[in-house]
Amino acid sequence: MSERLTSAPAGIRLGPLDLVADGTARNFVLQMRAGRFHGFVVRRGDTVHGYVDRCPHMGLPLAQELDGYLTPDGHRIACAWHGAVFAVENGHCLGGPCVGQALTPWPVTVIDGAIVTA
């Protein structure tokens, strides 16, 4: 079993911005020599926010269903395991068992219509 990494190098093109529908999130798994990186991207218009797919409470991946990272109204990131809720803009925990903690940022940006690691 390969190691689960907590960061990914800059400059990786993840795909076109439209790969993530506006107001939704999408999971990305990057296979690298040292192991696999698991992250997700939330899109808000032409802006993207990326985070390592790991809840600060127990270290588990946030979603129980593929791409199921957001609350039903789509306004917050939610941990499906223990109900923690996080701000999309900065990953800060707003409620649940990890208040005061935050998701680990995964720097991503949009360049020429593509989502790219920064």
PDB file of N, CA and C in Angstrom:
ATOM      1  N   MET A   1       0.852  -1.182   0.000  1.00  0.00           N
ATOM      2  CA  MET A   1       0.000   0.000   0.000  1.00  0.00           C
ATOM      3  C   MET A   1       0.887   1.232   0.000  1.00  0.00           C
ATOM      4  N   SER A   2       0.593   2.191  -0.867  1.00  0.00           N
ATOM      5  CA  SER A   2       1.429   3.383  -0.935  1.00  0.00           C
ATOM      6  C   SER A   2       1.033   4.371   0.152  1.00  0.00           C
ATOM      7  N   GLU A   3       1.976   5.231   0.488  1.00  0.00           N
ATOM      8  CA  GLU A   3       1.758   6.217   1.536  1.00  0.00           C
ATOM      9  C   GLU A   3       0.777   7.289   1.076  1.00  0.00           C
ATOM     10  N   ARG A   4      -0.029   7.781   2.004  1.00  0.00           N
ATOM     11  CA  ARG A   4      -0.971   8.873   1.720  1.00  0.00           C
ATOM     12  C   ARG A   4      -0.254  10.186   2.004  1.00  0.00           C
ATOM     13  N   LEU A   5      -0.051  10.968   0.956  1.00  0.00           N
ATOM     14  CA  LEU A   5       0.716  12.207   1.054  1.00  0.00           C
ATOM     15  C   LEU A   5      -0.169  13.370   1.488  1.00  0.00           C
ATOM     16  N   THR A   6       0.449  14.401   2.070  1.00  0.00           N
ATOM     17  CA  THR A   6      -0.302  15.562   2.547  1.00  0.00           C
ATOM     18  C   THR A   6      -0.026  16.814   1.723  1.00  0.00           C
ATOM     19  N   SER A   7       0.744  16.676   0.652  1.00  0.00           N
ATOM     20  CA  SER A   7       0.976  17.811  -0.238  1.00  0.00           C
ATOM     21  C   SER A   7       1.259  17.294  -1.640  1.00  0.00           C
ATOM     22  N   ALA A   8       1.128  18.215  -2.595  1.00  0.00           N
ATOM     23  CA  ALA A   8       1.384  17.877  -3.996  1.00  0.00           C
ATOM     24  C   ALA A   8       2.212  18.997  -4.604  1.00  0.00           C
ATOM     25  N   PRO A   9       3.058  18.694  -5.558  1.00  0.00           N
ATOM     26  CA  PRO A   9       3.894  19.738  -6.161  1.00  0.00           C
ATOM     27  C   PRO A   9       3.075  20.745  -6.962  1.00  0.00           C
ATOM     28  N   ALA A  10       3.620  21.936  -7.105  1.00  0.00           N
ATOM     29  CA  ALA A  10       2.989  22.984  -7.906  1.00  0.00           C
ATOM     30  C   ALA A  10       3.116  22.662  -9.387  1.00  0.00           C
ATOM     31  N   GLY A  11       2.207  23.229 -10.179  1.00  0.00           N
ATOM     32  CA  GLY A  11       2.303  23.117 -11.629  1.00  0.00           C
ATOM     33  C   GLY A  11       1.598  21.939 -12.254  1.00  0.00           C
ATOM     34  N   ILE A  12       0.843  21.170 -11.467  1.00  0.00           N
ATOM     35  CA  ILE A  12       0.107  20.035 -12.028  1.00  0.00           C
ATOM     36  C   ILE A  12      -1.243  20.544 -12.549  1.00  0.00           C
ATOM     37  N   ARG A  13      -1.513  20.298 -13.824  1.00  0.00           N
ATOM     38  CA  ARG A  13      -2.792  20.698 -14.422  1.00  0.00           C
ATOM     39  C   ARG A  13      -3.807  19.616 -14.096  1.00  0.00           C
ATOM     40  N   LEU A  14      -4.830  19.986 -13.317  1.00  0.00           N
ATOM     41  CA  LEU A  14      -5.845  19.026 -12.895  1.00  0.00           C
ATOM     42  C   LEU A  14      -6.937  18.850 -13.933  1.00  0.00           C
ATOM     43  N   GLY A  15      -7.142  19.872 -14.764  1.00  0.00           N
ATOM     44  CA  GLY A  15      -8.155  19.795 -15.805  1.00  0.00           C
ATOM     45  C   GLY A  15      -8.811  21.144 -15.991  1.00  0.00           C
ATOM     46  N   PRO A  16      -9.752  21.224 -16.941  1.00  0.00           N
ATOM     47  CA  PRO A  16     -10.432  22.493 -17.191  1.00  0.00           C
ATOM     48  C   PRO A  16     -11.294  22.892 -15.993  1.00  0.00           C
ATOM     49  N   LEU A  17     -11.492  24.200 -15.826  1.00  0.00           N
ATOM     50  CA  LEU A  17     -12.311  24.705 -14.723  1.00  0.00           C
ATOM     51  C   LEU A  17     -13.684  24.045 -14.726  1.00  0.00           C
ATOM     52  N   ASP A  18     -14.250  23.795 -15.904  1.00  0.00           N
ATOM     53  CA  ASP A  18     -15.578  23.192 -15.995  1.00  0.00           C
ATOM     54  C   ASP A  18     -15.633  21.752 -15.487  1.00  0.00           C
ATOM     55  N   LEU A  19     -14.488  21.166 -15.178  1.00  0.00           N
ATOM     56  CA  LEU A  19     -14.453  19.833 -14.582  1.00  0.00           C
ATOM     57  C   LEU A  19     -15.156  19.832 -13.224  1.00  0.00           C
ATOM     58  N   VAL A  20     -15.140  20.995 -12.558  1.00  0.00           N
ATOM     59  CA  VAL A  20     -15.835  21.171 -11.280  1.00  0.00           C
ATOM     60  C   VAL A  20     -16.971  22.158 -11.545  1.00  0.00           C
ATOM     61  N   ALA A  21     -18.199  21.695 -11.472  1.00  0.00           N
ATOM     62  CA  ALA A  21     -19.342  22.586 -11.715  1.00  0.00           C
ATOM     63  C   ALA A  21     -19.374  23.681 -10.661  1.00  0.00           C
ATOM     64  N   ASP A  22     -19.783  24.872 -11.069  1.00  0.00           N
ATOM     65  CA  ASP A  22     -19.872  25.992 -10.151  1.00  0.00           C
ATOM     66  C   ASP A  22     -20.751  25.624  -8.955  1.00  0.00           C
ATOM     67  N   GLY A  23     -20.240  25.885  -7.742  1.00  0.00           N
ATOM     68  CA  GLY A  23     -20.992  25.598  -6.528  1.00  0.00           C
ATOM     69  C   GLY A  23     -20.865  24.173  -6.031  1.00  0.00           C
ATOM     70  N   THR A  24     -19.971  23.393  -6.646  1.00  0.00           N
ATOM     71  CA  THR A  24     -19.783  22.004  -6.220  1.00  0.00           C
ATOM     72  C   THR A  24     -18.313  21.762  -5.859  1.00  0.00           C
ATOM     73  N   ALA A  25     -18.028  20.512  -5.487  1.00  0.00           N
ATOM     74  CA  ALA A  25     -16.664  20.097  -5.143  1.00  0.00           C
ATOM     75  C   ALA A  25     -16.335  18.824  -5.907  1.00  0.00           C
ATOM     76  N   ARG A  26     -15.041  18.593  -6.081  1.00  0.00           N
ATOM     77  CA  ARG A  26     -14.601  17.380  -6.780  1.00  0.00           C
ATOM     78  C   ARG A  26     -13.325  16.855  -6.141  1.00  0.00           C
ATOM     79  N   ASN A  27     -13.258  15.547  -6.032  1.00  0.00           N
ATOM     80  CA  ASN A  27     -12.110  14.841  -5.479  1.00  0.00           C
ATOM     81  C   ASN A  27     -11.040  14.667  -6.545  1.00  0.00           C
ATOM     82  N   PHE A  28      -9.785  14.777  -6.124  1.00  0.00           N
ATOM     83  CA  PHE A  28      -8.649  14.497  -7.000  1.00  0.00           C
ATOM     84  C   PHE A  28      -7.680  13.593  -6.251  1.00  0.00           C
ATOM     85  N   VAL A  29      -7.223  12.546  -6.918  1.00  0.00           N
ATOM     86  CA  VAL A  29      -6.199  11.663  -6.367  1.00  0.00           C
ATOM     87  C   VAL A  29      -5.026  11.709  -7.332  1.00  0.00           C
ATOM     88  N   LEU A  30      -3.880  12.105  -6.823  1.00  0.00           N
ATOM     89  CA  LEU A  30      -2.674  12.205  -7.646  1.00  0.00           C
ATOM     90  C   LEU A  30      -1.712  11.100  -7.242  1.00  0.00           C
ATOM     91  N   GLN A  31      -1.331  10.271  -8.192  1.00  0.00           N
ATOM     92  CA  GLN A  31      -0.358   9.211  -7.934  1.00  0.00           C
ATOM     93  C   GLN A  31       1.033   9.761  -8.206  1.00  0.00           C
ATOM     94  N   MET A  32       1.879   9.744  -7.181  1.00  0.00           N
ATOM     95  CA  MET A  32       3.258  10.211  -7.324  1.00  0.00           C
ATOM     96  C   MET A  32       4.195   9.107  -6.856  1.00  0.00           C
ATOM     97  N   ARG A  33       5.467   9.270  -7.128  1.00  0.00           N
ATOM     98  CA  ARG A  33       6.433   8.229  -6.735  1.00  0.00           C
ATOM     99  C   ARG A  33       6.365   7.907  -5.247  1.00  0.00           C
ATOM    100  N   ALA A  34       6.219   8.948  -4.417  1.00  0.00           N
ATOM    101  CA  ALA A  34       6.249   8.752  -2.967  1.00  0.00           C
ATOM    102  C   ALA A  34       4.928   8.233  -2.401  1.00  0.00           C
ATOM    103  N   GLY A  35       3.873   8.229  -3.208  1.00  0.00           N
ATOM    104  CA  GLY A  35       2.574   7.767  -2.720  1.00  0.00           C
ATOM    105  C   GLY A  35       1.448   8.492  -3.420  1.00  0.00           C
ATOM    106  N   ARG A  36       0.284   8.462  -2.794  1.00  0.00           N
ATOM    107  CA  ARG A  36      -0.899   9.113  -3.364  1.00  0.00           C
ATOM    108  C   ARG A  36      -1.276  10.337  -2.550  1.00  0.00           C
ATOM    109  N   PHE A  37      -1.664  11.384  -3.277  1.00  0.00           N
ATOM    110  CA  PHE A  37      -2.201  12.585  -2.643  1.00  0.00           C
ATOM    111  C   PHE A  37      -3.703  12.616  -2.896  1.00  0.00           C
ATOM    112  N   HIS A  38      -4.483  12.824  -1.834  1.00  0.00           N
ATOM    113  CA  HIS A  38      -5.936  12.924  -1.929  1.00  0.00           C
ATOM    114  C   HIS A  38      -6.342  14.337  -1.543  1.00  0.00           C
ATOM    115  N   GLY A  39      -6.971  15.041  -2.470  1.00  0.00           N
ATOM    116  CA  GLY A  39      -7.428  16.393  -2.200  1.00  0.00           C
ATOM    117  C   GLY A  39      -8.769  16.629  -2.873  1.00  0.00           C
ATOM    118  N   PHE A  40      -9.327  17.799  -2.611  1.00  0.00           N
ATOM    119  CA  PHE A  40     -10.563  18.167  -3.282  1.00  0.00           C
ATOM    120  C   PHE A  40     -10.567  19.657  -3.555  1.00  0.00           C
ATOM    121  N   VAL A  41     -11.330  20.027  -4.567  1.00  0.00           N
ATOM    122  CA  VAL A  41     -11.429  21.413  -5.008  1.00  0.00           C
ATOM    123  C   VAL A  41     -12.894  21.827  -4.947  1.00  0.00           C
ATOM    124  N   VAL A  42     -13.143  22.998  -4.369  1.00  0.00           N
ATOM    125  CA  VAL A  42     -14.480  23.596  -4.350  1.00  0.00           C
ATOM    126  C   VAL A  42     -14.450  24.782  -5.299  1.00  0.00           C
ATOM    127  N   ARG A  43     -15.447  24.857  -6.178  1.00  0.00           N
ATOM    128  CA  ARG A  43     -15.499  25.970  -7.131  1.00  0.00           C
ATOM    129  C   ARG A  43     -16.585  26.963  -6.744  1.00  0.00           C
ATOM    130  N   ARG A  44     -16.207  28.243  -6.782  1.00  0.00           N
ATOM    131  CA  ARG A  44     -17.138  29.354  -6.582  1.00  0.00           C
ATOM    132  C   ARG A  44     -16.924  30.325  -7.734  1.00  0.00           C
ATOM    133  N   GLY A  45     -17.707  30.201  -8.796  1.00  0.00           N
ATOM    134  CA  GLY A  45     -17.522  31.037  -9.974  1.00  0.00           C
ATOM    135  C   GLY A  45     -16.203  30.705 -10.641  1.00  0.00           C
ATOM    136  N   ASP A  46     -15.351  31.716 -10.803  1.00  0.00           N
ATOM    137  CA  ASP A  46     -14.033  31.504 -11.408  1.00  0.00           C
ATOM    138  C   ASP A  46     -12.949  31.279 -10.367  1.00  0.00           C
ATOM    139  N   THR A  47     -13.341  31.115  -9.110  1.00  0.00           N
ATOM    140  CA  THR A  47     -12.395  30.912  -8.014  1.00  0.00           C
ATOM    141  C   THR A  47     -12.461  29.462  -7.539  1.00  0.00           C
ATOM    142  N   VAL A  48     -11.311  28.897  -7.203  1.00  0.00           N
ATOM    143  CA  VAL A  48     -11.261  27.540  -6.660  1.00  0.00           C
ATOM    144  C   VAL A  48     -10.532  27.554  -5.318  1.00  0.00           C
ATOM    145  N   HIS A  49     -10.973  26.679  -4.433  1.00  0.00           N
ATOM    146  CA  HIS A  49     -10.360  26.501  -3.118  1.00  0.00           C
ATOM    147  C   HIS A  49     -10.021  25.025  -2.997  1.00  0.00           C
ATOM    148  N   GLY A  50      -8.778  24.709  -2.644  1.00  0.00           N
ATOM    149  CA  GLY A  50      -8.368  23.316  -2.529  1.00  0.00           C
ATOM    150  C   GLY A  50      -7.977  22.964  -1.112  1.00  0.00           C
ATOM    151  N   TYR A  51      -8.274  21.726  -0.728  1.00  0.00           N
ATOM    152  CA  TYR A  51      -7.930  21.231   0.603  1.00  0.00           C
ATOM    153  C   TYR A  51      -7.496  19.773   0.525  1.00  0.00           C
ATOM    154  N   VAL A  52      -6.620  19.398   1.449  1.00  0.00           N
ATOM    155  CA  VAL A  52      -6.252  17.996   1.616  1.00  0.00           C
ATOM    156  C   VAL A  52      -7.497  17.277   2.137  1.00  0.00           C
ATOM    157  N   ASP A  53      -7.787  16.115   1.602  1.00  0.00           N
ATOM    158  CA  ASP A  53      -8.989  15.363   1.981  1.00  0.00           C
ATOM    159  C   ASP A  53      -8.737  14.611   3.291  1.00  0.00           C
ATOM    160  N   ARG A  54      -8.725  15.390   4.373  1.00  0.00           N
ATOM    161  CA  ARG A  54      -8.450  14.816   5.692  1.00  0.00           C
ATOM    162  C   ARG A  54      -9.049  15.722   6.762  1.00  0.00           C
ATOM    163  N   CYS A  55      -9.973  15.203   7.542  1.00  0.00           N
ATOM    164  CA  CYS A  55     -10.597  15.984   8.608  1.00  0.00           C
ATOM    165  C   CYS A  55      -9.605  16.145   9.761  1.00  0.00           C
ATOM    166  N   PRO A  56      -9.472  17.358  10.311  1.00  0.00           N
ATOM    167  CA  PRO A  56      -8.534  17.555  11.419  1.00  0.00           C
ATOM    168  C   PRO A  56      -8.965  16.846  12.701  1.00  0.00           C
ATOM    169  N   HIS A  57     -10.217  16.413  12.780  1.00  0.00           N
ATOM    170  CA  HIS A  57     -10.720  15.759  13.988  1.00  0.00           C
ATOM    171  C   HIS A  57     -10.163  14.353  14.163  1.00  0.00           C
ATOM    172  N   MET A  58     -10.304  13.507  13.142  1.00  0.00           N
ATOM    173  CA  MET A  58      -9.860  12.114  13.263  1.00  0.00           C
ATOM    174  C   MET A  58      -8.904  11.682  12.149  1.00  0.00           C
ATOM    175  N   GLY A  59      -8.617  12.583  11.222  1.00  0.00           N
ATOM    176  CA  GLY A  59      -7.711  12.243  10.135  1.00  0.00           C
ATOM    177  C   GLY A  59      -8.347  11.429   9.022  1.00  0.00           C
ATOM    178  N   LEU A  60      -9.658  11.295   9.046  1.00  0.00           N
ATOM    179  CA  LEU A  60     -10.361  10.534   8.011  1.00  0.00           C
ATOM    180  C   LEU A  60     -10.629  11.404   6.791  1.00  0.00           C
ATOM    181  N   PRO A  61     -10.814  10.784   5.610  1.00  0.00           N
ATOM    182  CA  PRO A  61     -11.291  11.550   4.460  1.00  0.00           C
ATOM    183  C   PRO A  61     -12.658  12.142   4.821  1.00  0.00           C
ATOM    184  N   LEU A  62     -12.979  13.307   4.273  1.00  0.00           N
ATOM    185  CA  LEU A  62     -14.214  13.999   4.647  1.00  0.00           C
ATOM    186  C   LEU A  62     -15.477  13.357   4.082  1.00  0.00           C
ATOM    187  N   ALA A  63     -15.435  12.911   2.842  1.00  0.00           N
ATOM    188  CA  ALA A  63     -16.637  12.435   2.159  1.00  0.00           C
ATOM    189  C   ALA A  63     -16.805  10.925   2.300  1.00  0.00           C
ATOM    190  N   GLN A  64     -18.046  10.499   2.450  1.00  0.00           N
ATOM    191  CA  GLN A  64     -18.359   9.073   2.407  1.00  0.00           C
ATOM    192  C   GLN A  64     -18.827   8.657   1.010  1.00  0.00           C
ATOM    193  N   GLU A  65     -19.244   9.645   0.210  1.00  0.00           N
ATOM    194  CA  GLU A  65     -19.637   9.412  -1.177  1.00  0.00           C
ATOM    195  C   GLU A  65     -18.727  10.243  -2.072  1.00  0.00           C
ATOM    196  N   LEU A  66     -18.409   9.741  -3.252  1.00  0.00           N
ATOM    197  CA  LEU A  66     -17.534  10.437  -4.174  1.00  0.00           C
ATOM    198  C   LEU A  66     -18.009  11.866  -4.400  1.00  0.00           C
ATOM    199  N   ASP A  67     -17.116  12.821  -4.197  1.00  0.00           N
ATOM    200  CA  ASP A  67     -17.366  14.250  -4.390  1.00  0.00           C
ATOM    201  C   ASP A  67     -18.401  14.828  -3.420  1.00  0.00           C
ATOM    202  N   GLY A  68     -18.761  14.125  -2.357  1.00  0.00           N
ATOM    203  CA  GLY A  68     -19.757  14.583  -1.387  1.00  0.00           C
ATOM    204  C   GLY A  68     -19.137  15.406  -0.269  1.00  0.00           C
ATOM    205  N   TYR A  69     -18.562  16.547  -0.613  1.00  0.00           N
ATOM    206  CA  TYR A  69     -17.836  17.358   0.359  1.00  0.00           C
ATOM    207  C   TYR A  69     -18.635  18.523   0.940  1.00  0.00           C
ATOM    208  N   LEU A  70     -19.769  18.856   0.344  1.00  0.00           N
ATOM    209  CA  LEU A  70     -20.476  20.066   0.756  1.00  0.00           C
ATOM    210  C   LEU A  70     -21.759  19.755   1.524  1.00  0.00           C
ATOM    211  N   THR A  71     -22.190  20.737   2.326  1.00  0.00           N
ATOM    212  CA  THR A  71     -23.474  20.629   3.002  1.00  0.00           C
ATOM    213  C   THR A  71     -24.573  20.604   1.934  1.00  0.00           C
ATOM    214  N   PRO A  72     -25.776  20.145   2.279  1.00  0.00           N
ATOM    215  CA  PRO A  72     -26.845  20.069   1.274  1.00  0.00           C
ATOM    216  C   PRO A  72     -27.118  21.386   0.552  1.00  0.00           C
ATOM    217  N   ASP A  73     -26.940  22.521   1.233  1.00  0.00           N
ATOM    218  CA  ASP A  73     -27.172  23.813   0.568  1.00  0.00           C
ATOM    219  C   ASP A  73     -25.960  24.276  -0.237  1.00  0.00           C
ATOM    220  N   GLY A  74     -24.833  23.547  -0.133  1.00  0.00           N
ATOM    221  CA  GLY A  74     -23.632  23.861  -0.901  1.00  0.00           C
ATOM    222  C   GLY A  74     -22.817  25.029  -0.381  1.00  0.00           C
ATOM    223  N   HIS A  75     -23.172  25.567   0.784  1.00  0.00           N
ATOM    224  CA  HIS A  75     -22.481  26.751   1.294  1.00  0.00           C
ATOM    225  C   HIS A  75     -21.263  26.448   2.167  1.00  0.00           C
ATOM    226  N   ARG A  76     -21.146  25.244   2.671  1.00  0.00           N
ATOM    227  CA  ARG A  76     -20.046  24.885   3.559  1.00  0.00           C
ATOM    228  C   ARG A  76     -19.500  23.511   3.187  1.00  0.00           C
ATOM    229  N   ILE A  77     -18.277  23.241   3.639  1.00  0.00           N
ATOM    230  CA  ILE A  77     -17.679  21.916   3.523  1.00  0.00           C
ATOM    231  C   ILE A  77     -18.099  21.143   4.772  1.00  0.00           C
ATOM    232  N   ALA A  78     -18.435  19.875   4.620  1.00  0.00           N
ATOM    233  CA  ALA A  78     -18.876  19.070   5.759  1.00  0.00           C
ATOM    234  C   ALA A  78     -18.120  17.754   5.827  1.00  0.00           C
ATOM    235  N   CYS A  79     -17.816  17.329   7.045  1.00  0.00           N
ATOM    236  CA  CYS A  79     -17.257  15.995   7.263  1.00  0.00           C
ATOM    237  C   CYS A  79     -18.434  15.047   7.458  1.00  0.00           C
ATOM    238  N   ALA A  80     -18.544  14.076   6.573  1.00  0.00           N
ATOM    239  CA  ALA A  80     -19.672  13.146   6.613  1.00  0.00           C
ATOM    240  C   ALA A  80     -19.612  12.194   7.803  1.00  0.00           C
ATOM    241  N   TRP A  81     -18.476  12.070   8.457  1.00  0.00           N
ATOM    242  CA  TRP A  81     -18.315  11.113   9.549  1.00  0.00           C
ATOM    243  C   TRP A  81     -18.810  11.648  10.887  1.00  0.00           C
ATOM    244  N   HIS A  82     -18.434  12.879  11.228  1.00  0.00           N
ATOM    245  CA  HIS A  82     -18.752  13.404  12.566  1.00  0.00           C
ATOM    246  C   HIS A  82     -19.434  14.765  12.554  1.00  0.00           C
ATOM    247  N   GLY A  83     -19.840  15.239  11.383  1.00  0.00           N
ATOM    248  CA  GLY A  83     -20.639  16.448  11.306  1.00  0.00           C
ATOM    249  C   GLY A  83     -19.907  17.768  11.421  1.00  0.00           C
ATOM    250  N   ALA A  84     -18.595  17.771  11.363  1.00  0.00           N
ATOM    251  CA  ALA A  84     -17.867  19.043  11.384  1.00  0.00           C
ATOM    252  C   ALA A  84     -18.202  19.835  10.126  1.00  0.00           C
ATOM    253  N   VAL A  85     -18.253  21.159  10.268  1.00  0.00           N
ATOM    254  CA  VAL A  85     -18.576  22.040   9.152  1.00  0.00           C
ATOM    255  C   VAL A  85     -17.464  23.078   9.023  1.00  0.00           C
ATOM    256  N   PHE A  86     -17.044  23.339   7.781  1.00  0.00           N
ATOM    257  CA  PHE A  86     -15.901  24.210   7.509  1.00  0.00           C
ATOM    258  C   PHE A  86     -16.267  25.297   6.506  1.00  0.00           C
ATOM    259  N   ALA A  87     -15.632  26.462   6.634  1.00  0.00           N
ATOM    260  CA  ALA A  87     -15.806  27.548   5.676  1.00  0.00           C
ATOM    261  C   ALA A  87     -15.095  27.189   4.375  1.00  0.00           C
ATOM    262  N   VAL A  88     -15.755  27.416   3.255  1.00  0.00           N
ATOM    263  CA  VAL A  88     -15.163  27.128   1.943  1.00  0.00           C
ATOM    264  C   VAL A  88     -13.940  28.015   1.712  1.00  0.00           C
ATOM    265  N   GLU A  89     -14.020  29.285   2.093  1.00  0.00           N
ATOM    266  CA  GLU A  89     -12.986  30.270   1.771  1.00  0.00           C
ATOM    267  C   GLU A  89     -11.653  30.038   2.472  1.00  0.00           C
ATOM    268  N   ASN A  90     -11.668  29.480   3.690  1.00  0.00           N
ATOM    269  CA  ASN A  90     -10.401  29.336   4.426  1.00  0.00           C
ATOM    270  C   ASN A  90     -10.246  28.006   5.162  1.00  0.00           C
ATOM    271  N   GLY A  91     -11.241  27.139   5.104  1.00  0.00           N
ATOM    272  CA  GLY A  91     -11.151  25.828   5.736  1.00  0.00           C
ATOM    273  C   GLY A  91     -11.308  25.813   7.240  1.00  0.00           C
ATOM    274  N   HIS A  92     -11.624  26.950   7.859  1.00  0.00           N
ATOM    275  CA  HIS A  92     -11.780  26.995   9.313  1.00  0.00           C
ATOM    276  C   HIS A  92     -13.019  26.228   9.748  1.00  0.00           C
ATOM    277  N   CYS A  93     -12.881  25.463  10.820  1.00  0.00           N
ATOM    278  CA  CYS A  93     -13.999  24.691  11.357  1.00  0.00           C
ATOM    279  C   CYS A  93     -14.971  25.646  12.046  1.00  0.00           C
ATOM    280  N   LEU A  94     -16.219  25.615  11.625  1.00  0.00           N
ATOM    281  CA  LEU A  94     -17.254  26.502  12.150  1.00  0.00           C
ATOM    282  C   LEU A  94     -18.167  25.803  13.143  1.00  0.00           C
ATOM    283  N   GLY A  95     -18.123  24.478  13.181  1.00  0.00           N
ATOM    284  CA  GLY A  95     -18.966  23.726  14.095  1.00  0.00           C
ATOM    285  C   GLY A  95     -18.607  22.260  14.071  1.00  0.00           C
ATOM    286  N   GLY A  96     -18.912  21.575  15.173  1.00  0.00           N
ATOM    287  CA  GLY A  96     -18.601  20.161  15.267  1.00  0.00           C
ATOM    288  C   GLY A  96     -17.419  19.917  16.190  1.00  0.00           C
ATOM    289  N   PRO A  97     -16.846  18.720  16.135  1.00  0.00           N
ATOM    290  CA  PRO A  97     -15.826  18.323  17.113  1.00  0.00           C
ATOM    291  C   PRO A  97     -14.447  18.954  16.926  1.00  0.00           C
ATOM    292  N   CYS A  98     -14.242  19.759  15.901  1.00  0.00           N
ATOM    293  CA  CYS A  98     -12.899  20.316  15.687  1.00  0.00           C
ATOM    294  C   CYS A  98     -12.903  21.841  15.617  1.00  0.00           C
ATOM    295  N   VAL A  99     -13.829  22.494  16.317  1.00  0.00           N
ATOM    296  CA  VAL A  99     -13.878  23.956  16.336  1.00  0.00           C
ATOM    297  C   VAL A  99     -12.516  24.492  16.753  1.00  0.00           C
ATOM    298  N   GLY A 100     -12.050  25.515  16.047  1.00  0.00           N
ATOM    299  CA  GLY A 100     -10.730  26.085  16.329  1.00  0.00           C
ATOM    300  C   GLY A 100      -9.639  25.499  15.456  1.00  0.00           C
ATOM    301  N   GLN A 101      -9.934  24.412  14.764  1.00  0.00           N
ATOM    302  CA  GLN A 101      -8.976  23.812  13.844  1.00  0.00           C
ATOM    303  C   GLN A 101      -9.371  24.181  12.419  1.00  0.00           C
ATOM    304  N   ALA A 102      -8.611  23.697  11.459  1.00  0.00           N
ATOM    305  CA  ALA A 102      -8.908  24.003  10.059  1.00  0.00           C
ATOM    306  C   ALA A 102      -8.438  22.865   9.165  1.00  0.00           C
ATOM    307  N   LEU A 103      -9.027  22.813   7.982  1.00  0.00           N
ATOM    308  CA  LEU A 103      -8.561  21.889   6.958  1.00  0.00           C
ATOM    309  C   LEU A 103      -7.184  22.342   6.489  1.00  0.00           C
ATOM    310  N   THR A 104      -6.391  21.402   5.994  1.00  0.00           N
ATOM    311  CA  THR A 104      -5.083  21.734   5.440  1.00  0.00           C
ATOM    312  C   THR A 104      -5.272  22.245   4.019  1.00  0.00           C
ATOM    313  N   PRO A 105      -4.840  23.484   3.755  1.00  0.00           N
ATOM    314  CA  PRO A 105      -5.013  24.026   2.402  1.00  0.00           C
ATOM    315  C   PRO A 105      -4.211  23.233   1.369  1.00  0.00           C
ATOM    316  N   TRP A 106      -4.763  23.143   0.176  1.00  0.00           N
ATOM    317  CA  TRP A 106      -4.071  22.600  -0.993  1.00  0.00           C
ATOM    318  C   TRP A 106      -4.083  23.725  -2.013  1.00  0.00           C
ATOM    319  N   PRO A 107      -2.973  24.412  -2.195  1.00  0.00           N
ATOM    320  CA  PRO A 107      -2.948  25.577  -3.092  1.00  0.00           C
ATOM    321  C   PRO A 107      -3.274  25.200  -4.537  1.00  0.00           C
ATOM    322  N   VAL A 108      -4.384  25.750  -5.019  1.00  0.00           N
ATOM    323  CA  VAL A 108      -4.793  25.577  -6.413  1.00  0.00           C
ATOM    324  C   VAL A 108      -5.219  26.938  -6.954  1.00  0.00           C
ATOM    325  N   THR A 109      -5.154  27.080  -8.257  1.00  0.00           N
ATOM    326  CA  THR A 109      -5.557  28.335  -8.899  1.00  0.00           C
ATOM    327  C   THR A 109      -6.091  28.023 -10.284  1.00  0.00           C
ATOM    328  N   VAL A 110      -6.610  29.042 -10.949  1.00  0.00           N
ATOM    329  CA  VAL A 110      -7.092  28.887 -12.328  1.00  0.00           C
ATOM    330  C   VAL A 110      -6.161  29.675 -13.227  1.00  0.00           C
ATOM    331  N   ILE A 111      -5.583  28.987 -14.218  1.00  0.00           N
ATOM    332  CA  ILE A 111      -4.699  29.603 -15.204  1.00  0.00           C
ATOM    333  C   ILE A 111      -5.192  29.221 -16.589  1.00  0.00           C
ATOM    334  N   ASP A 112      -5.509  30.224 -17.386  1.00  0.00           N
ATOM    335  CA  ASP A 112      -5.978  29.989 -18.764  1.00  0.00           C
ATOM    336  C   ASP A 112      -7.118  28.963 -18.820  1.00  0.00           C
ATOM    337  N   GLY A 113      -8.069  29.080 -17.863  1.00  0.00           N
ATOM    338  CA  GLY A 113      -9.235  28.224 -17.869  1.00  0.00           C
ATOM    339  C   GLY A 113      -9.018  26.827 -17.314  1.00  0.00           C
ATOM    340  N   ALA A 114      -7.849  26.582 -16.721  1.00  0.00           N
ATOM    341  CA  ALA A 114      -7.554  25.258 -16.164  1.00  0.00           C
ATOM    342  C   ALA A 114      -7.260  25.369 -14.669  1.00  0.00           C
ATOM    343  N   ILE A 115      -7.636  24.332 -13.923  1.00  0.00           N
ATOM    344  CA  ILE A 115      -7.295  24.244 -12.498  1.00  0.00           C
ATOM    345  C   ILE A 115      -5.874  23.679 -12.411  1.00  0.00           C
ATOM    346  N   VAL A 116      -5.000  24.418 -11.706  1.00  0.00           N
ATOM    347  CA  VAL A 116      -3.589  24.049 -11.616  1.00  0.00           C
ATOM    348  C   VAL A 116      -3.154  24.140 -10.155  1.00  0.00           C
ATOM    349  N   THR A 117      -2.318  23.176  -9.723  1.00  0.00           N
ATOM    350  CA  THR A 117      -1.767  23.258  -8.376  1.00  0.00           C
ATOM    351  C   THR A 117      -0.790  24.420  -8.319  1.00  0.00           C
ATOM    352  N   ALA A 118      -0.813  25.122  -7.194  1.00  0.00           N
ATOM    353  CA  ALA A 118       0.034  26.315  -7.053  1.00  0.00           C
ATOM    354  C   ALA A 118       1.151  26.084  -6.048  1.00  0.00           C
TER     355      ALA A 118
END
